[in-house]
Amino acid sequence: GVVWRARAPGAAEAPAPADAALPPPLEPPRPSEAAAPPVLATGQLAPLGDGRRVLWAAPGGDLVVILPEPVSGELEVERVYRPAHEPERHLDEPERRRLHGWYLDEVEPRRRAALDRATAAWLTRCEAAARLPAEVEQAEEAARAVLRLGGADALAAALDTPAPGAEGAVRRRSATLALAEAGYLLAVPALCELVDALGSTPAGPPLVALLGRLVDARLPADEPAAAAAAGRRFAAGRPADAPRFERRPGP
């Protein structure tokens, strides 16, 4: 209980020590508390509770849920999760917050959102470059960002159905260069158009070299018309059933 101590009238109260009201200092988190131990070693498999699904620890830290397809029995990837340690996540949503700070983020929705943002940024850059030609290089870099996120199909659409006007031309050019640099053979016809248009400028020799890598041939940088004709012959000679997104291996 509380103990009351008598004090003589007029007697001054002894000052409390400066640190008397302070709580004891917090110890830094131990290593075992600061980072979660790995559930699986990279490359290992572990069965999940339902007996059908297994968990695979993929290189890079992703956790892949695999299950057999009901009819064929072939294995399929159901979901992919990425562990994230963010102790400050959901500070304004206590019911969703976890004090240990660990969360499993599903990769597909985040990847899709990132690709959508990159595609929107590319289109915005193309619109700007149509007004200011100095912005063309930024539009080309934005197209490469779309490709890195898996958006080759979005870029290919700019080759199949080019938009009209200057903005459409920037879309086609930036998509062509990004796809060609990545080795996609579907970019050959559009790249031939660029060689025709820019072959006699300082940009010509690099474009001819890029076309030569795609068609696997030495093309004359000083004869852009001949180089473009060789590219068109290559495109016309591809089998009709060739994969649409066939790629030439990199150097």
C-alpha atoms as a PDB file:
ATOM      1  CA  GLY A   1       0.000   0.000   0.000  1.00  0.00           C
ATOM      2  CA  VAL A   2       0.959   3.664  -0.003  1.00  0.00           C
ATOM      3  CA  VAL A   3       3.200   4.754   2.916  1.00  0.00           C
ATOM      4  CA  TRP A   4       2.756   8.310   4.143  1.00  0.00           C
ATOM      5  CA  ARG A   5       5.779   9.910   5.778  1.00  0.00           C
ATOM      6  CA  ALA A   6       5.410  12.799   8.205  1.00  0.00           C
ATOM      7  CA  ARG A   7       7.450  15.940   7.563  1.00  0.00           C
ATOM      8  CA  ALA A   8       8.127  18.777   9.953  1.00  0.00           C
ATOM      9  CA  PRO A   9       6.240  21.986   9.106  1.00  0.00           C
ATOM     10  CA  GLY A  10       8.316  24.241   6.885  1.00  0.00           C
ATOM     11  CA  ALA A  11      10.862  21.561   6.125  1.00  0.00           C
ATOM     12  CA  ALA A  12      11.916  21.494   2.502  1.00  0.00           C
ATOM     13  CA  GLU A  13      11.265  18.352   0.552  1.00  0.00           C
ATOM     14  CA  ALA A  14      14.416  16.630  -0.614  1.00  0.00           C
ATOM     15  CA  PRO A  15      14.705  16.832  -4.414  1.00  0.00           C
ATOM     16  CA  ALA A  16      14.208  13.579  -6.261  1.00  0.00           C
ATOM     17  CA  PRO A  17      17.083  12.245  -8.318  1.00  0.00           C
ATOM     18  CA  ALA A  18      17.004  13.532 -11.931  1.00  0.00           C
ATOM     19  CA  ASP A  19      16.404  10.084 -13.355  1.00  0.00           C
ATOM     20  CA  ALA A  20      13.932   8.872 -10.747  1.00  0.00           C
ATOM     21  CA  ALA A  21      10.891   9.310 -13.025  1.00  0.00           C
ATOM     22  CA  LEU A  22      12.497   7.882 -16.145  1.00  0.00           C
ATOM     23  CA  PRO A  23      11.712   4.336 -17.226  1.00  0.00           C
ATOM     24  CA  PRO A  24      14.612   1.941 -17.597  1.00  0.00           C
ATOM     25  CA  PRO A  25      16.319   2.260 -20.992  1.00  0.00           C
ATOM     26  CA  LEU A  26      15.122  -0.041 -23.721  1.00  0.00           C
ATOM     27  CA  GLU A  27      17.571  -2.638 -24.859  1.00  0.00           C
ATOM     28  CA  PRO A  28      18.200  -2.847 -28.614  1.00  0.00           C
ATOM     29  CA  PRO A  29      16.447  -5.779 -30.273  1.00  0.00           C
ATOM     30  CA  ARG A  30      18.412  -8.957 -30.294  1.00  0.00           C
ATOM     31  CA  PRO A  31      19.399 -10.340 -33.687  1.00  0.00           C
ATOM     32  CA  SER A  32      16.763 -13.052 -33.371  1.00  0.00           C
ATOM     33  CA  GLU A  33      14.096 -10.368 -32.887  1.00  0.00           C
ATOM     34  CA  ALA A  34      15.282  -7.964 -35.603  1.00  0.00           C
ATOM     35  CA  ALA A  35      15.160 -10.441 -38.459  1.00  0.00           C
ATOM     36  CA  ALA A  36      12.972 -13.484 -38.955  1.00  0.00           C
ATOM     37  CA  PRO A  37      14.838 -16.731 -39.501  1.00  0.00           C
ATOM     38  CA  PRO A  38      14.362 -18.284 -42.949  1.00  0.00           C
ATOM     39  CA  VAL A  39      11.504 -20.746 -43.154  1.00  0.00           C
ATOM     40  CA  LEU A  40      13.287 -22.767 -45.823  1.00  0.00           C
ATOM     41  CA  ALA A  41      16.698 -22.767 -47.363  1.00  0.00           C
ATOM     42  CA  THR A  42      16.764 -21.556 -50.957  1.00  0.00           C
ATOM     43  CA  GLY A  43      15.593 -24.299 -53.300  1.00  0.00           C
ATOM     44  CA  GLN A  44      13.921 -26.415 -50.631  1.00  0.00           C
ATOM     45  CA  LEU A  45      10.328 -27.671 -50.697  1.00  0.00           C
ATOM     46  CA  ALA A  46       7.984 -28.086 -47.745  1.00  0.00           C
ATOM     47  CA  PRO A  47       4.448 -29.558 -47.682  1.00  0.00           C
ATOM     48  CA  LEU A  48       1.611 -27.300 -46.605  1.00  0.00           C
ATOM     49  CA  GLY A  49      -1.201 -28.332 -44.331  1.00  0.00           C
ATOM     50  CA  ASP A  50      -3.760 -29.414 -46.929  1.00  0.00           C
ATOM     51  CA  GLY A  51      -1.525 -32.187 -48.302  1.00  0.00           C
ATOM     52  CA  ARG A  52      -1.807 -30.961 -51.913  1.00  0.00           C
ATOM     53  CA  ARG A  53       0.196 -27.750 -51.935  1.00  0.00           C
ATOM     54  CA  VAL A  54       3.916 -27.404 -51.400  1.00  0.00           C
ATOM     55  CA  LEU A  55       5.973 -24.326 -50.611  1.00  0.00           C
ATOM     56  CA  TRP A  56       9.164 -23.657 -52.558  1.00  0.00           C
ATOM     57  CA  ALA A  57      11.803 -21.187 -51.402  1.00  0.00           C
ATOM     58  CA  ALA A  58      12.779 -19.563 -54.691  1.00  0.00           C
ATOM     59  CA  PRO A  59      16.109 -17.808 -55.268  1.00  0.00           C
ATOM     60  CA  GLY A  60      15.802 -14.186 -54.227  1.00  0.00           C
ATOM     61  CA  GLY A  61      13.609 -14.902 -51.203  1.00  0.00           C
ATOM     62  CA  ASP A  62      10.192 -15.377 -52.802  1.00  0.00           C
ATOM     63  CA  LEU A  63       7.932 -18.124 -51.441  1.00  0.00           C
ATOM     64  CA  VAL A  64       6.123 -20.025 -54.201  1.00  0.00           C
ATOM     65  CA  VAL A  65       2.958 -22.045 -53.527  1.00  0.00           C
ATOM     66  CA  ILE A  66       2.721 -24.992 -55.952  1.00  0.00           C
ATOM     67  CA  LEU A  67      -0.147 -27.436 -56.399  1.00  0.00           C
ATOM     68  CA  PRO A  68      -1.095 -30.110 -58.972  1.00  0.00           C
ATOM     69  CA  GLU A  69      -3.675 -29.264 -61.622  1.00  0.00           C
ATOM     70  CA  PRO A  70      -6.826 -31.276 -60.755  1.00  0.00           C
ATOM     71  CA  VAL A  71      -7.235 -33.026 -64.148  1.00  0.00           C
ATOM     72  CA  SER A  72      -3.767 -33.465 -65.619  1.00  0.00           C
ATOM     73  CA  GLY A  73      -1.846 -33.524 -62.356  1.00  0.00           C
ATOM     74  CA  GLU A  74       0.735 -31.128 -63.766  1.00  0.00           C
ATOM     75  CA  LEU A  75       2.263 -28.765 -61.226  1.00  0.00           C
ATOM     76  CA  GLU A  76       1.126 -25.155 -61.301  1.00  0.00           C
ATOM     77  CA  VAL A  77       2.183 -22.030 -59.457  1.00  0.00           C
ATOM     78  CA  GLU A  78      -0.805 -20.859 -57.442  1.00  0.00           C
ATOM     79  CA  ARG A  79       0.682 -17.801 -55.713  1.00  0.00           C
ATOM     80  CA  VAL A  80       4.024 -16.170 -55.074  1.00  0.00           C
ATOM     81  CA  TYR A  81       4.726 -14.286 -51.867  1.00  0.00           C
ATOM     82  CA  ARG A  82       7.575 -11.947 -50.948  1.00  0.00           C
ATOM     83  CA  PRO A  83       8.447 -11.448 -47.266  1.00  0.00           C
ATOM     84  CA  ALA A  84       8.695  -7.800 -46.213  1.00  0.00           C
ATOM     85  CA  HIS A  85       9.918  -6.443 -42.865  1.00  0.00           C
ATOM     86  CA  GLU A  86       8.140  -3.109 -42.349  1.00  0.00           C
ATOM     87  CA  PRO A  87       7.476  -2.424 -38.637  1.00  0.00           C
ATOM     88  CA  GLU A  88       5.774   0.900 -39.473  1.00  0.00           C
ATOM     89  CA  ARG A  89       3.251  -0.563 -41.919  1.00  0.00           C
ATOM     90  CA  HIS A  90      -0.434  -0.020 -41.044  1.00  0.00           C
ATOM     91  CA  LEU A  91       0.278   2.440 -38.227  1.00  0.00           C
ATOM     92  CA  ASP A  92      -3.168   3.937 -38.842  1.00  0.00           C
ATOM     93  CA  GLU A  93      -4.875   0.520 -39.069  1.00  0.00           C
ATOM     94  CA  PRO A  94      -4.244  -1.264 -35.763  1.00  0.00           C
ATOM     95  CA  GLU A  95      -6.346  -4.268 -36.715  1.00  0.00           C
ATOM     96  CA  ARG A  96      -4.021  -4.991 -39.657  1.00  0.00           C
ATOM     97  CA  ARG A  97      -0.743  -4.114 -37.961  1.00  0.00           C
ATOM     98  CA  ARG A  98       1.660  -6.788 -36.723  1.00  0.00           C
ATOM     99  CA  LEU A  99       4.136  -5.662 -34.093  1.00  0.00           C
ATOM    100  CA  HIS A 100       6.757  -8.121 -35.303  1.00  0.00           C
ATOM    101  CA  GLY A 101       6.732  -6.135 -38.551  1.00  0.00           C
ATOM    102  CA  TRP A 102       6.747  -9.107 -40.955  1.00  0.00           C
ATOM    103  CA  TYR A 103       4.274  -9.347 -43.835  1.00  0.00           C
ATOM    104  CA  LEU A 104       3.824 -11.619 -46.831  1.00  0.00           C
ATOM    105  CA  ASP A 105       3.029  -9.611 -49.946  1.00  0.00           C
ATOM    106  CA  GLU A 106       1.550 -11.399 -52.940  1.00  0.00           C
ATOM    107  CA  VAL A 107       3.826 -10.626 -55.878  1.00  0.00           C
ATOM    108  CA  GLU A 108       1.289 -10.723 -58.742  1.00  0.00           C
ATOM    109  CA  PRO A 109      -0.890  -7.724 -57.735  1.00  0.00           C
ATOM    110  CA  ARG A 110       2.131  -5.589 -56.890  1.00  0.00           C
ATOM    111  CA  ARG A 111       3.873  -6.529 -60.116  1.00  0.00           C
ATOM    112  CA  ARG A 112       0.742  -5.743 -62.119  1.00  0.00           C
ATOM    113  CA  ALA A 113       0.377  -2.367 -60.406  1.00  0.00           C
ATOM    114  CA  ALA A 114       4.036  -1.561 -61.086  1.00  0.00           C
ATOM    115  CA  LEU A 115       3.622  -2.500 -64.752  1.00  0.00           C
ATOM    116  CA  ASP A 116       0.497  -0.343 -65.046  1.00  0.00           C
ATOM    117  CA  ARG A 117       2.359   2.620 -63.539  1.00  0.00           C
ATOM    118  CA  ALA A 118       5.329   2.103 -65.863  1.00  0.00           C
ATOM    119  CA  THR A 119       3.068   1.865 -68.916  1.00  0.00           C
ATOM    120  CA  ALA A 120       1.240   5.060 -67.943  1.00  0.00           C
ATOM    121  CA  ALA A 121       4.588   6.813 -67.426  1.00  0.00           C
ATOM    122  CA  TRP A 122       5.770   5.664 -70.859  1.00  0.00           C
ATOM    123  CA  LEU A 123       2.647   7.020 -72.563  1.00  0.00           C
ATOM    124  CA  THR A 124       3.048  10.313 -70.702  1.00  0.00           C
ATOM    125  CA  ARG A 125       6.673  10.564 -71.821  1.00  0.00           C
ATOM    126  CA  CYS A 126       5.657   9.890 -75.413  1.00  0.00           C
ATOM    127  CA  GLU A 127       3.067  12.647 -75.241  1.00  0.00           C
ATOM    128  CA  ALA A 128       5.688  15.052 -73.891  1.00  0.00           C
ATOM    129  CA  ALA A 129       8.236  14.025 -76.518  1.00  0.00           C
ATOM    130  CA  ALA A 130       5.724  14.714 -79.269  1.00  0.00           C
ATOM    131  CA  ARG A 131       5.781  18.363 -78.169  1.00  0.00           C
ATOM    132  CA  LEU A 132       9.460  18.551 -77.168  1.00  0.00           C
ATOM    133  CA  PRO A 133      11.769  16.353 -79.259  1.00  0.00           C
ATOM    134  CA  ALA A 134      14.446  16.652 -76.562  1.00  0.00           C
ATOM    135  CA  GLU A 135      12.255  14.356 -74.434  1.00  0.00           C
ATOM    136  CA  VAL A 136      12.537  11.425 -76.868  1.00  0.00           C
ATOM    137  CA  GLU A 137      15.366   9.757 -74.939  1.00  0.00           C
ATOM    138  CA  GLN A 138      13.263   9.802 -71.769  1.00  0.00           C
ATOM    139  CA  ALA A 139      10.407   8.157 -73.665  1.00  0.00           C
ATOM    140  CA  GLU A 140      12.822   5.469 -74.865  1.00  0.00           C
ATOM    141  CA  GLU A 141      14.039   4.831 -71.320  1.00  0.00           C
ATOM    142  CA  ALA A 142      10.431   4.641 -70.106  1.00  0.00           C
ATOM    143  CA  ALA A 143       9.764   1.958 -72.745  1.00  0.00           C
ATOM    144  CA  ARG A 144      12.733  -0.028 -71.437  1.00  0.00           C
ATOM    145  CA  ALA A 145      11.259   0.207 -67.931  1.00  0.00           C
ATOM    146  CA  VAL A 146       7.988  -1.269 -69.227  1.00  0.00           C
ATOM    147  CA  LEU A 147       9.926  -4.124 -70.796  1.00  0.00           C
ATOM    148  CA  ARG A 148      11.862  -4.877 -67.606  1.00  0.00           C
ATOM    149  CA  LEU A 149       8.549  -5.375 -65.799  1.00  0.00           C
ATOM    150  CA  GLY A 150       7.289  -7.857 -68.390  1.00  0.00           C
ATOM    151  CA  GLY A 151       5.378  -5.479 -70.663  1.00  0.00           C
ATOM    152  CA  ALA A 152       6.661  -6.691 -74.041  1.00  0.00           C
ATOM    153  CA  ASP A 153       3.065  -7.237 -75.176  1.00  0.00           C
ATOM    154  CA  ALA A 154       2.149  -3.616 -74.375  1.00  0.00           C
ATOM    155  CA  LEU A 155       5.084  -2.370 -76.449  1.00  0.00           C
ATOM    156  CA  ALA A 156       4.302  -4.771 -79.290  1.00  0.00           C
ATOM    157  CA  ALA A 157       0.815  -3.272 -79.508  1.00  0.00           C
ATOM    158  CA  ALA A 158       2.439   0.029 -80.498  1.00  0.00           C
ATOM    159  CA  LEU A 159       3.960  -1.764 -83.499  1.00  0.00           C
ATOM    160  CA  ASP A 160       0.763  -3.572 -84.490  1.00  0.00           C
ATOM    161  CA  THR A 161      -1.590  -0.584 -84.287  1.00  0.00           C
ATOM    162  CA  PRO A 162       0.488   2.605 -84.259  1.00  0.00           C
ATOM    163  CA  ALA A 163      -1.255   5.723 -83.011  1.00  0.00           C
ATOM    164  CA  PRO A 164      -1.471   8.633 -85.450  1.00  0.00           C
ATOM    165  CA  GLY A 165       0.582  11.807 -85.313  1.00  0.00           C
ATOM    166  CA  ALA A 166       3.826  12.712 -83.617  1.00  0.00           C
ATOM    167  CA  GLU A 167       2.888  10.971 -80.374  1.00  0.00           C
ATOM    168  CA  GLY A 168       2.238   7.728 -82.216  1.00  0.00           C
ATOM    169  CA  ALA A 169       5.602   8.013 -83.943  1.00  0.00           C
ATOM    170  CA  VAL A 170       7.386   8.395 -80.597  1.00  0.00           C
ATOM    171  CA  ARG A 171       5.530   5.385 -79.193  1.00  0.00           C
ATOM    172  CA  ARG A 172       6.496   3.283 -82.196  1.00  0.00           C
ATOM    173  CA  ARG A 173      10.137   4.379 -82.125  1.00  0.00           C
ATOM    174  CA  SER A 174      10.620   3.885 -78.368  1.00  0.00           C
ATOM    175  CA  ALA A 175       8.823   0.517 -78.399  1.00  0.00           C
ATOM    176  CA  THR A 176      10.853  -0.630 -81.412  1.00  0.00           C
ATOM    177  CA  LEU A 177      14.177   0.211 -79.799  1.00  0.00           C
ATOM    178  CA  ALA A 178      13.282  -1.379 -76.441  1.00  0.00           C
ATOM    179  CA  LEU A 179      12.093  -4.601 -78.070  1.00  0.00           C
ATOM    180  CA  ALA A 180      15.004  -4.751 -80.513  1.00  0.00           C
ATOM    181  CA  GLU A 181      17.588  -4.173 -77.780  1.00  0.00           C
ATOM    182  CA  ALA A 182      16.038  -7.058 -75.847  1.00  0.00           C
ATOM    183  CA  GLY A 183      16.332  -9.331 -78.905  1.00  0.00           C
ATOM    184  CA  TYR A 184      12.667  -9.601 -79.897  1.00  0.00           C
ATOM    185  CA  LEU A 185      12.504 -10.519 -83.588  1.00  0.00           C
ATOM    186  CA  LEU A 186       9.056  -9.001 -84.036  1.00  0.00           C
ATOM    187  CA  ALA A 187      10.782  -5.604 -83.923  1.00  0.00           C
ATOM    188  CA  VAL A 188      12.717  -6.237 -87.170  1.00  0.00           C
ATOM    189  CA  PRO A 189      10.204  -4.648 -89.632  1.00  0.00           C
ATOM    190  CA  ALA A 190       9.805  -1.492 -87.535  1.00  0.00           C
ATOM    191  CA  LEU A 191      13.561  -1.323 -87.003  1.00  0.00           C
ATOM    192  CA  CYS A 192      14.033  -1.437 -90.785  1.00  0.00           C
ATOM    193  CA  GLU A 193      11.800   1.635 -90.995  1.00  0.00           C
ATOM    194  CA  LEU A 194      14.055   3.450 -88.538  1.00  0.00           C
ATOM    195  CA  VAL A 195      17.125   2.463 -90.551  1.00  0.00           C
ATOM    196  CA  ASP A 196      15.464   3.862 -93.678  1.00  0.00           C
ATOM    197  CA  ALA A 197      14.590   7.118 -91.919  1.00  0.00           C
ATOM    198  CA  LEU A 198      17.781   7.664 -89.903  1.00  0.00           C
ATOM    199  CA  GLY A 199      20.400   5.617 -91.722  1.00  0.00           C
ATOM    200  CA  SER A 200      22.225   8.669 -93.095  1.00  0.00           C
ATOM    201  CA  THR A 201      22.330  10.428 -89.687  1.00  0.00           C
ATOM    202  CA  PRO A 202      24.709   9.781 -86.762  1.00  0.00           C
ATOM    203  CA  ALA A 203      22.051   7.446 -85.350  1.00  0.00           C
ATOM    204  CA  GLY A 204      22.280   5.230 -88.439  1.00  0.00           C
ATOM    205  CA  PRO A 205      25.315   3.006 -87.686  1.00  0.00           C
ATOM    206  CA  PRO A 206      24.060   1.947 -84.209  1.00  0.00           C
ATOM    207  CA  LEU A 207      20.665   1.128 -85.695  1.00  0.00           C
ATOM    208  CA  VAL A 208      22.244  -0.950 -88.459  1.00  0.00           C
ATOM    209  CA  ALA A 209      24.382  -2.761 -85.881  1.00  0.00           C
ATOM    210  CA  LEU A 210      21.278  -3.508 -83.818  1.00  0.00           C
ATOM    211  CA  LEU A 211      19.468  -4.802 -86.891  1.00  0.00           C
ATOM    212  CA  GLY A 212      22.452  -6.970 -87.745  1.00  0.00           C
ATOM    213  CA  ARG A 213      22.365  -8.555 -84.304  1.00  0.00           C
ATOM    214  CA  LEU A 214      18.679  -9.389 -84.687  1.00  0.00           C
ATOM    215  CA  VAL A 215      19.061 -10.959 -88.121  1.00  0.00           C
ATOM    216  CA  ASP A 216      22.401 -12.537 -87.202  1.00  0.00           C
ATOM    217  CA  ALA A 217      24.301 -11.010 -90.127  1.00  0.00           C
ATOM    218  CA  ARG A 218      26.962  -8.400 -90.812  1.00  0.00           C
ATOM    219  CA  LEU A 219      25.173  -5.464 -92.399  1.00  0.00           C
ATOM    220  CA  PRO A 220      26.904  -2.503 -94.090  1.00  0.00           C
ATOM    221  CA  ALA A 221      26.608   0.570 -91.885  1.00  0.00           C
ATOM    222  CA  ASP A 222      27.438   2.807 -94.854  1.00  0.00           C
ATOM    223  CA  GLU A 223      24.619   1.308 -96.944  1.00  0.00           C
ATOM    224  CA  PRO A 224      21.493   1.699 -94.804  1.00  0.00           C
ATOM    225  CA  ALA A 225      19.134   0.901 -97.663  1.00  0.00           C
ATOM    226  CA  ALA A 226      20.854  -2.440 -98.275  1.00  0.00           C
ATOM    227  CA  ALA A 227      20.815  -3.158 -94.526  1.00  0.00           C
ATOM    228  CA  ALA A 228      17.077  -2.439 -94.313  1.00  0.00           C
ATOM    229  CA  ALA A 229      16.413  -4.648 -97.340  1.00  0.00           C
ATOM    230  CA  ALA A 230      18.302  -7.508 -95.689  1.00  0.00           C
ATOM    231  CA  GLY A 231      16.214  -7.032 -92.563  1.00  0.00           C
ATOM    232  CA  ARG A 232      12.994  -7.214 -94.528  1.00  0.00           C
ATOM    233  CA  ARG A 233      14.120 -10.401 -96.264  1.00  0.00           C
ATOM    234  CA  PHE A 234      14.815 -11.923 -92.879  1.00  0.00           C
ATOM    235  CA  ALA A 235      11.370 -10.964 -91.562  1.00  0.00           C
ATOM    236  CA  ALA A 236       9.642 -12.311 -94.681  1.00  0.00           C
ATOM    237  CA  GLY A 237      11.508 -15.617 -94.379  1.00  0.00           C
ATOM    238  CA  ARG A 238      10.474 -16.377 -90.813  1.00  0.00           C
ATOM    239  CA  PRO A 239       8.141 -19.383 -90.487  1.00  0.00           C
ATOM    240  CA  ALA A 240       4.477 -18.507 -90.175  1.00  0.00           C
ATOM    241  CA  ASP A 241       4.223 -20.556 -86.987  1.00  0.00           C
ATOM    242  CA  ALA A 242       7.278 -18.960 -85.343  1.00  0.00           C
ATOM    243  CA  PRO A 243       6.606 -17.815 -81.759  1.00  0.00           C
ATOM    244  CA  ARG A 244       5.425 -14.222 -81.750  1.00  0.00           C
ATOM    245  CA  PHE A 245       7.799 -13.220 -78.956  1.00  0.00           C
ATOM    246  CA  GLU A 246      10.804 -15.206 -80.160  1.00  0.00           C
ATOM    247  CA  ARG A 247      14.063 -13.668 -78.995  1.00  0.00           C
ATOM    248  CA  ARG A 248      17.589 -13.682 -80.322  1.00  0.00           C
ATOM    249  CA  PRO A 249      20.011 -14.685 -77.555  1.00  0.00           C
ATOM    250  CA  GLY A 250      22.125 -11.804 -76.338  1.00  0.00           C
ATOM    251  CA  PRO A 251      25.789 -11.442 -77.226  1.00  0.00           C
END
